[in-house]
């Protein structure tokens, strides 16, 4: 199974992780912000527990110490988190590492860490958080893919199911999805549609 899966939802709670795992999602990122260390560790442990027995892989955003301590297998870091993380300890613990990038300098920084995948965003305008970076647009995906080569490229930021075929055609290996699932009127139906698309691809 490729990692990450072509459909890669990003959610902010253990409840969402459990819901997506039961729907058959293969890669789920837990991005819960502003947790103190003890809460982060408990949250990661809880998330690992709810995916037990499913095919889901949990990707922990940011909390690398908690990920190591809880026995997680996958980690995702933004650039600020990467600057403060002990990459050697992360690798020693056997975690895979995905890294966010938004510009050329960040891509260089990410590639120096020898990541398991690189995320590029935001592809489109996003309402979920104020971004210091302008939307990248679909042509940037093709450019980035040429530069990362064999490393899987994840596209993120404002992407809806209707954009998926164009995003994959531009060179993305995976699409990280946030609001198209969590803010959808019928999230379960939307997830099933994404999974069907993935299987058809």
C-alpha atoms as a PDB file:
ATOM      1  CA  UNK A   1       0.000   0.000   0.000  1.00  0.00           C
ATOM      2  CA  UNK A   2       1.485   3.376  -0.924  1.00  0.00           C
ATOM      3  CA  UNK A   3       2.017   5.858   1.883  1.00  0.00           C
ATOM      4  CA  UNK A   4       0.269   8.133   2.337  1.00  0.00           C
ATOM      5  CA  UNK A   5      -2.915   6.920   0.646  1.00  0.00           C
ATOM      6  CA  UNK A   6      -4.218   8.985  -2.265  1.00  0.00           C
ATOM      7  CA  UNK A   7      -7.067  10.241  -0.062  1.00  0.00           C
ATOM      8  CA  UNK A   8      -5.568  11.703   3.118  1.00  0.00           C
ATOM      9  CA  UNK A   9      -8.044  13.438   5.453  1.00  0.00           C
ATOM     10  CA  UNK A  10      -6.784  15.752   8.201  1.00  0.00           C
ATOM     11  CA  UNK A  11      -8.953  16.026  11.321  1.00  0.00           C
ATOM     12  CA  UNK A  12      -8.737  17.612  14.752  1.00  0.00           C
ATOM     13  CA  UNK A  13     -10.194  15.041  17.150  1.00  0.00           C
ATOM     14  CA  UNK A  14     -10.055  11.390  18.153  1.00  0.00           C
ATOM     15  CA  UNK A  15     -13.783  11.153  17.375  1.00  0.00           C
ATOM     16  CA  UNK A  16     -13.099  12.093  13.747  1.00  0.00           C
ATOM     17  CA  UNK A  17     -10.229   9.586  13.567  1.00  0.00           C
ATOM     18  CA  UNK A  18     -12.559   6.838  14.786  1.00  0.00           C
ATOM     19  CA  UNK A  19     -15.297   7.825  12.341  1.00  0.00           C
ATOM     20  CA  UNK A  20     -12.971   7.829   9.338  1.00  0.00           C
ATOM     21  CA  UNK A  21     -11.281   4.578  10.326  1.00  0.00           C
ATOM     22  CA  UNK A  22     -14.645   2.829  10.466  1.00  0.00           C
ATOM     23  CA  UNK A  23     -15.410   4.139   6.968  1.00  0.00           C
ATOM     24  CA  UNK A  24     -12.266   2.438   5.670  1.00  0.00           C
ATOM     25  CA  UNK A  25      -9.917   5.416   5.302  1.00  0.00           C
ATOM     26  CA  UNK A  26      -6.299   4.263   5.018  1.00  0.00           C
ATOM     27  CA  UNK A  27      -4.318   7.334   6.143  1.00  0.00           C
ATOM     28  CA  UNK A  28      -5.656   9.820   8.696  1.00  0.00           C
ATOM     29  CA  UNK A  29      -3.781  12.801  10.106  1.00  0.00           C
ATOM     30  CA  UNK A  30      -4.668  13.998  13.597  1.00  0.00           C
ATOM     31  CA  UNK A  31      -3.995  17.724  13.818  1.00  0.00           C
ATOM     32  CA  UNK A  32      -5.124  18.846  17.276  1.00  0.00           C
ATOM     33  CA  UNK A  33      -3.633  22.208  18.146  1.00  0.00           C
ATOM     34  CA  UNK A  34      -2.415  23.795  21.390  1.00  0.00           C
ATOM     35  CA  UNK A  35      -2.316  20.723  23.612  1.00  0.00           C
ATOM     36  CA  UNK A  36      -0.009  20.566  26.625  1.00  0.00           C
ATOM     37  CA  UNK A  37       2.360  17.604  26.652  1.00  0.00           C
ATOM     38  CA  UNK A  38       0.247  15.328  28.862  1.00  0.00           C
ATOM     39  CA  UNK A  39      -2.911  15.974  26.821  1.00  0.00           C
ATOM     40  CA  UNK A  40      -1.037  15.455  23.563  1.00  0.00           C
ATOM     41  CA  UNK A  41       0.244  12.082  24.771  1.00  0.00           C
ATOM     42  CA  UNK A  42      -3.207  10.951  25.899  1.00  0.00           C
ATOM     43  CA  UNK A  43      -4.790  12.126  22.647  1.00  0.00           C
ATOM     44  CA  UNK A  44      -2.274  10.207  20.545  1.00  0.00           C
ATOM     45  CA  UNK A  45      -2.760   7.080  22.675  1.00  0.00           C
ATOM     46  CA  UNK A  46      -6.545   7.385  22.324  1.00  0.00           C
ATOM     47  CA  UNK A  47      -6.293   7.844  18.561  1.00  0.00           C
ATOM     48  CA  UNK A  48      -4.044   4.798  18.210  1.00  0.00           C
ATOM     49  CA  UNK A  49      -6.540   2.810  20.247  1.00  0.00           C
ATOM     50  CA  UNK A  50      -9.545   3.745  18.076  1.00  0.00           C
ATOM     51  CA  UNK A  51      -7.814   2.631  14.864  1.00  0.00           C
ATOM     52  CA  UNK A  52      -6.768  -0.722  16.317  1.00  0.00           C
ATOM     53  CA  UNK A  53      -8.221  -3.493  14.159  1.00  0.00           C
ATOM     54  CA  UNK A  54      -8.869  -1.176  11.192  1.00  0.00           C
ATOM     55  CA  UNK A  55      -6.664  -0.622   8.149  1.00  0.00           C
ATOM     56  CA  UNK A  56      -6.110   3.023   9.089  1.00  0.00           C
ATOM     57  CA  UNK A  57      -2.652   4.491   9.623  1.00  0.00           C
ATOM     58  CA  UNK A  58      -2.527   7.400  12.084  1.00  0.00           C
ATOM     59  CA  UNK A  59      -0.299  10.358  11.253  1.00  0.00           C
ATOM     60  CA  UNK A  60       0.426  12.565  14.266  1.00  0.00           C
ATOM     61  CA  UNK A  61       0.786  16.260  13.471  1.00  0.00           C
ATOM     62  CA  UNK A  62       3.346  18.226  15.462  1.00  0.00           C
ATOM     63  CA  UNK A  63       3.596  16.271  18.725  1.00  0.00           C
ATOM     64  CA  UNK A  64       6.705  14.253  17.948  1.00  0.00           C
ATOM     65  CA  UNK A  65       7.557  13.468  21.561  1.00  0.00           C
ATOM     66  CA  UNK A  66       4.047  12.150  22.189  1.00  0.00           C
ATOM     67  CA  UNK A  67       4.188  10.180  18.929  1.00  0.00           C
ATOM     68  CA  UNK A  68       7.414   8.476  20.001  1.00  0.00           C
ATOM     69  CA  UNK A  69       6.199   7.781  23.541  1.00  0.00           C
ATOM     70  CA  UNK A  70       2.820   6.451  22.428  1.00  0.00           C
ATOM     71  CA  UNK A  71       4.367   4.158  19.824  1.00  0.00           C
ATOM     72  CA  UNK A  72       2.924   5.890  16.771  1.00  0.00           C
ATOM     73  CA  UNK A  73       4.380   4.993  13.380  1.00  0.00           C
ATOM     74  CA  UNK A  74       3.800   8.178  11.370  1.00  0.00           C
ATOM     75  CA  UNK A  75       4.497  11.881  11.950  1.00  0.00           C
ATOM     76  CA  UNK A  76       3.862  15.121  10.087  1.00  0.00           C
ATOM     77  CA  UNK A  77       5.689  18.357  10.863  1.00  0.00           C
ATOM     78  CA  UNK A  78       5.249  21.927   9.701  1.00  0.00           C
ATOM     79  CA  UNK A  79       8.353  24.008   9.169  1.00  0.00           C
ATOM     80  CA  UNK A  80       8.232  25.635  12.614  1.00  0.00           C
ATOM     81  CA  UNK A  81       7.797  22.239  14.269  1.00  0.00           C
ATOM     82  CA  UNK A  82      10.591  20.771  12.151  1.00  0.00           C
ATOM     83  CA  UNK A  83      12.990  23.493  13.283  1.00  0.00           C
ATOM     84  CA  UNK A  84      12.428  22.488  16.917  1.00  0.00           C
ATOM     85  CA  UNK A  85      12.182  18.711  16.471  1.00  0.00           C
ATOM     86  CA  UNK A  86      14.867  16.108  17.070  1.00  0.00           C
ATOM     87  CA  UNK A  87      14.808  14.458  13.648  1.00  0.00           C
ATOM     88  CA  UNK A  88      17.438  11.905  14.693  1.00  0.00           C
ATOM     89  CA  UNK A  89      15.253  10.788  17.617  1.00  0.00           C
ATOM     90  CA  UNK A  90      12.222  10.616  15.335  1.00  0.00           C
ATOM     91  CA  UNK A  91      14.092   8.410  12.880  1.00  0.00           C
ATOM     92  CA  UNK A  92      15.568   6.280  15.647  1.00  0.00           C
ATOM     93  CA  UNK A  93      12.030   5.597  16.870  1.00  0.00           C
ATOM     94  CA  UNK A  94      11.162   4.348  13.374  1.00  0.00           C
ATOM     95  CA  UNK A  95       8.566   6.976  12.520  1.00  0.00           C
ATOM     96  CA  UNK A  96       7.901   8.045   8.956  1.00  0.00           C
ATOM     97  CA  UNK A  97       8.136  11.809   8.485  1.00  0.00           C
ATOM     98  CA  UNK A  98       6.040  14.069   6.268  1.00  0.00           C
ATOM     99  CA  UNK A  99       6.875  17.774   6.015  1.00  0.00           C
ATOM    100  CA  UNK A 100       4.834  20.819   4.946  1.00  0.00           C
ATOM    101  CA  UNK A 101       6.278  23.201   2.345  1.00  0.00           C
ATOM    102  CA  UNK A 102       5.049  26.507   0.942  1.00  0.00           C
ATOM    103  CA  UNK A 103       8.023  27.967  -0.962  1.00  0.00           C
ATOM    104  CA  UNK A 104      11.432  27.116  -2.418  1.00  0.00           C
ATOM    105  CA  UNK A 105      13.350  27.660   0.802  1.00  0.00           C
ATOM    106  CA  UNK A 106      10.970  25.438   2.760  1.00  0.00           C
ATOM    107  CA  UNK A 107      11.274  22.728   0.130  1.00  0.00           C
ATOM    108  CA  UNK A 108      15.070  22.785   0.479  1.00  0.00           C
ATOM    109  CA  UNK A 109      14.719  22.537   4.265  1.00  0.00           C
ATOM    110  CA  UNK A 110      12.270  19.651   3.934  1.00  0.00           C
ATOM    111  CA  UNK A 111      14.389  17.699   1.450  1.00  0.00           C
ATOM    112  CA  UNK A 112      17.431  18.032   3.711  1.00  0.00           C
ATOM    113  CA  UNK A 113      15.492  16.056   6.349  1.00  0.00           C
ATOM    114  CA  UNK A 114      14.973  13.209   3.853  1.00  0.00           C
ATOM    115  CA  UNK A 115      11.194  13.075   4.330  1.00  0.00           C
ATOM    116  CA  UNK A 116       8.916  10.164   3.466  1.00  0.00           C
ATOM    117  CA  UNK A 117       6.636  12.637   1.718  1.00  0.00           C
ATOM    118  CA  UNK A 118       6.421  16.380   1.077  1.00  0.00           C
ATOM    119  CA  UNK A 119       3.194  18.376   1.329  1.00  0.00           C
ATOM    120  CA  UNK A 120       2.637  21.463  -0.835  1.00  0.00           C
ATOM    121  CA  UNK A 121       0.002  24.033   0.004  1.00  0.00           C
ATOM    122  CA  UNK A 122      -2.245  25.781   0.006  1.00  0.00           C
ATOM    123  CA  UNK A 123      -3.242  24.827  -3.534  1.00  0.00           C
ATOM    124  CA  UNK A 124      -6.425  26.924  -3.334  1.00  0.00           C
ATOM    125  CA  UNK A 125      -7.575  29.615  -0.891  1.00  0.00           C
ATOM    126  CA  UNK A 126      -8.474  28.068   2.452  1.00  0.00           C
ATOM    127  CA  UNK A 127     -10.792  29.375   5.138  1.00  0.00           C
ATOM    128  CA  UNK A 128      -9.530  27.158   7.940  1.00  0.00           C
ATOM    129  CA  UNK A 129      -6.539  29.185   8.962  1.00  0.00           C
ATOM    130  CA  UNK A 130      -5.002  32.454   7.891  1.00  0.00           C
ATOM    131  CA  UNK A 131      -2.104  31.631   5.589  1.00  0.00           C
ATOM    132  CA  UNK A 132       1.049  33.661   5.154  1.00  0.00           C
ATOM    133  CA  UNK A 133       1.367  32.108   1.719  1.00  0.00           C
ATOM    134  CA  UNK A 134      -0.713  32.838  -1.361  1.00  0.00           C
ATOM    135  CA  UNK A 135      -2.492  29.939  -3.060  1.00  0.00           C
ATOM    136  CA  UNK A 136       0.013  27.888  -5.034  1.00  0.00           C
ATOM    137  CA  UNK A 137      -2.258  26.856  -7.888  1.00  0.00           C
ATOM    138  CA  UNK A 138      -2.268  23.584  -9.775  1.00  0.00           C
ATOM    139  CA  UNK A 139       0.771  24.272 -12.049  1.00  0.00           C
ATOM    140  CA  UNK A 140       2.983  24.460  -8.919  1.00  0.00           C
ATOM    141  CA  UNK A 141       2.161  20.797  -8.223  1.00  0.00           C
ATOM    142  CA  UNK A 142       3.790  19.759 -11.509  1.00  0.00           C
ATOM    143  CA  UNK A 143       6.853  21.889 -10.790  1.00  0.00           C
ATOM    144  CA  UNK A 144       7.195  20.559  -7.230  1.00  0.00           C
ATOM    145  CA  UNK A 145       6.805  16.938  -8.363  1.00  0.00           C
ATOM    146  CA  UNK A 146       9.704  17.345 -10.794  1.00  0.00           C
ATOM    147  CA  UNK A 147      11.820  18.639  -7.932  1.00  0.00           C
ATOM    148  CA  UNK A 148      10.954  15.974  -5.351  1.00  0.00           C
ATOM    149  CA  UNK A 149      11.257  13.101  -7.813  1.00  0.00           C
ATOM    150  CA  UNK A 150      10.424   9.753  -6.240  1.00  0.00           C
ATOM    151  CA  UNK A 151       9.324  11.281  -2.916  1.00  0.00           C
ATOM    152  CA  UNK A 152       5.502  11.232  -2.665  1.00  0.00           C
ATOM    153  CA  UNK A 153       3.921  14.676  -3.067  1.00  0.00           C
ATOM    154  CA  UNK A 154       0.809  15.573  -1.071  1.00  0.00           C
ATOM    155  CA  UNK A 155      -1.346  18.486  -2.221  1.00  0.00           C
ATOM    156  CA  UNK A 156      -3.297  20.339   0.487  1.00  0.00           C
ATOM    157  CA  UNK A 157      -5.388  23.457   0.898  1.00  0.00           C
ATOM    158  CA  UNK A 158      -8.957  24.146  -0.170  1.00  0.00           C
ATOM    159  CA  UNK A 159      -9.177  21.000  -2.311  1.00  0.00           C
ATOM    160  CA  UNK A 160     -12.576  19.457  -3.001  1.00  0.00           C
ATOM    161  CA  UNK A 161     -13.469  16.140  -4.571  1.00  0.00           C
ATOM    162  CA  UNK A 162     -14.314  17.921  -7.828  1.00  0.00           C
ATOM    163  CA  UNK A 163     -10.669  19.059  -8.141  1.00  0.00           C
ATOM    164  CA  UNK A 164      -9.162  15.641  -7.490  1.00  0.00           C
ATOM    165  CA  UNK A 165      -8.645  14.312 -11.007  1.00  0.00           C
ATOM    166  CA  UNK A 166      -6.943  17.553 -12.082  1.00  0.00           C
ATOM    167  CA  UNK A 167      -4.709  17.551  -8.982  1.00  0.00           C
ATOM    168  CA  UNK A 168      -3.636  13.942  -9.556  1.00  0.00           C
ATOM    169  CA  UNK A 169      -3.059  14.632 -13.259  1.00  0.00           C
ATOM    170  CA  UNK A 170      -0.773  17.534 -12.314  1.00  0.00           C
ATOM    171  CA  UNK A 171       1.495  15.150 -10.425  1.00  0.00           C
ATOM    172  CA  UNK A 172       0.217  14.875  -6.846  1.00  0.00           C
ATOM    173  CA  UNK A 173       0.492  11.399  -5.341  1.00  0.00           C
ATOM    174  CA  UNK A 174      -1.941  12.153  -2.537  1.00  0.00           C
ATOM    175  CA  UNK A 175      -4.521  14.793  -1.608  1.00  0.00           C
ATOM    176  CA  UNK A 176      -4.875  15.980   1.973  1.00  0.00           C
ATOM    177  CA  UNK A 177      -8.456  17.005   2.629  1.00  0.00           C
ATOM    178  CA  UNK A 178      -9.795  19.017   5.547  1.00  0.00           C
ATOM    179  CA  UNK A 179     -12.987  21.052   5.150  1.00  0.00           C
ATOM    180  CA  UNK A 180     -14.336  19.013   2.217  1.00  0.00           C
ATOM    181  CA  UNK A 181     -14.885  16.269   4.790  1.00  0.00           C
ATOM    182  CA  UNK A 182     -15.261  17.939   8.177  1.00  0.00           C
ATOM    183  CA  UNK A 183     -17.498  20.776   6.995  1.00  0.00           C
ATOM    184  CA  UNK A 184     -19.509  18.722   4.531  1.00  0.00           C
ATOM    185  CA  UNK A 185     -23.252  18.358   5.117  1.00  0.00           C
ATOM    186  CA  UNK A 186     -22.879  14.566   4.819  1.00  0.00           C
ATOM    187  CA  UNK A 187     -19.277  13.705   5.733  1.00  0.00           C
ATOM    188  CA  UNK A 188     -19.713   9.937   5.525  1.00  0.00           C
ATOM    189  CA  UNK A 189     -21.113  10.128   2.007  1.00  0.00           C
ATOM    190  CA  UNK A 190     -18.308  12.472   0.975  1.00  0.00           C
ATOM    191  CA  UNK A 191     -15.665  10.143   2.393  1.00  0.00           C
ATOM    192  CA  UNK A 192     -17.152   7.198   0.500  1.00  0.00           C
ATOM    193  CA  UNK A 193     -17.040   9.240  -2.713  1.00  0.00           C
ATOM    194  CA  UNK A 194     -13.358  10.050  -2.114  1.00  0.00           C
ATOM    195  CA  UNK A 195     -12.612   6.387  -1.453  1.00  0.00           C
ATOM    196  CA  UNK A 196     -14.375   5.335  -4.653  1.00  0.00           C
ATOM    197  CA  UNK A 197     -12.369   7.890  -6.599  1.00  0.00           C
ATOM    198  CA  UNK A 198      -9.171   6.583  -5.053  1.00  0.00           C
ATOM    199  CA  UNK A 199     -10.010   3.016  -6.012  1.00  0.00           C
ATOM    200  CA  UNK A 200     -10.851   4.051  -9.574  1.00  0.00           C
ATOM    201  CA  UNK A 201      -7.591   5.986  -9.937  1.00  0.00           C
END
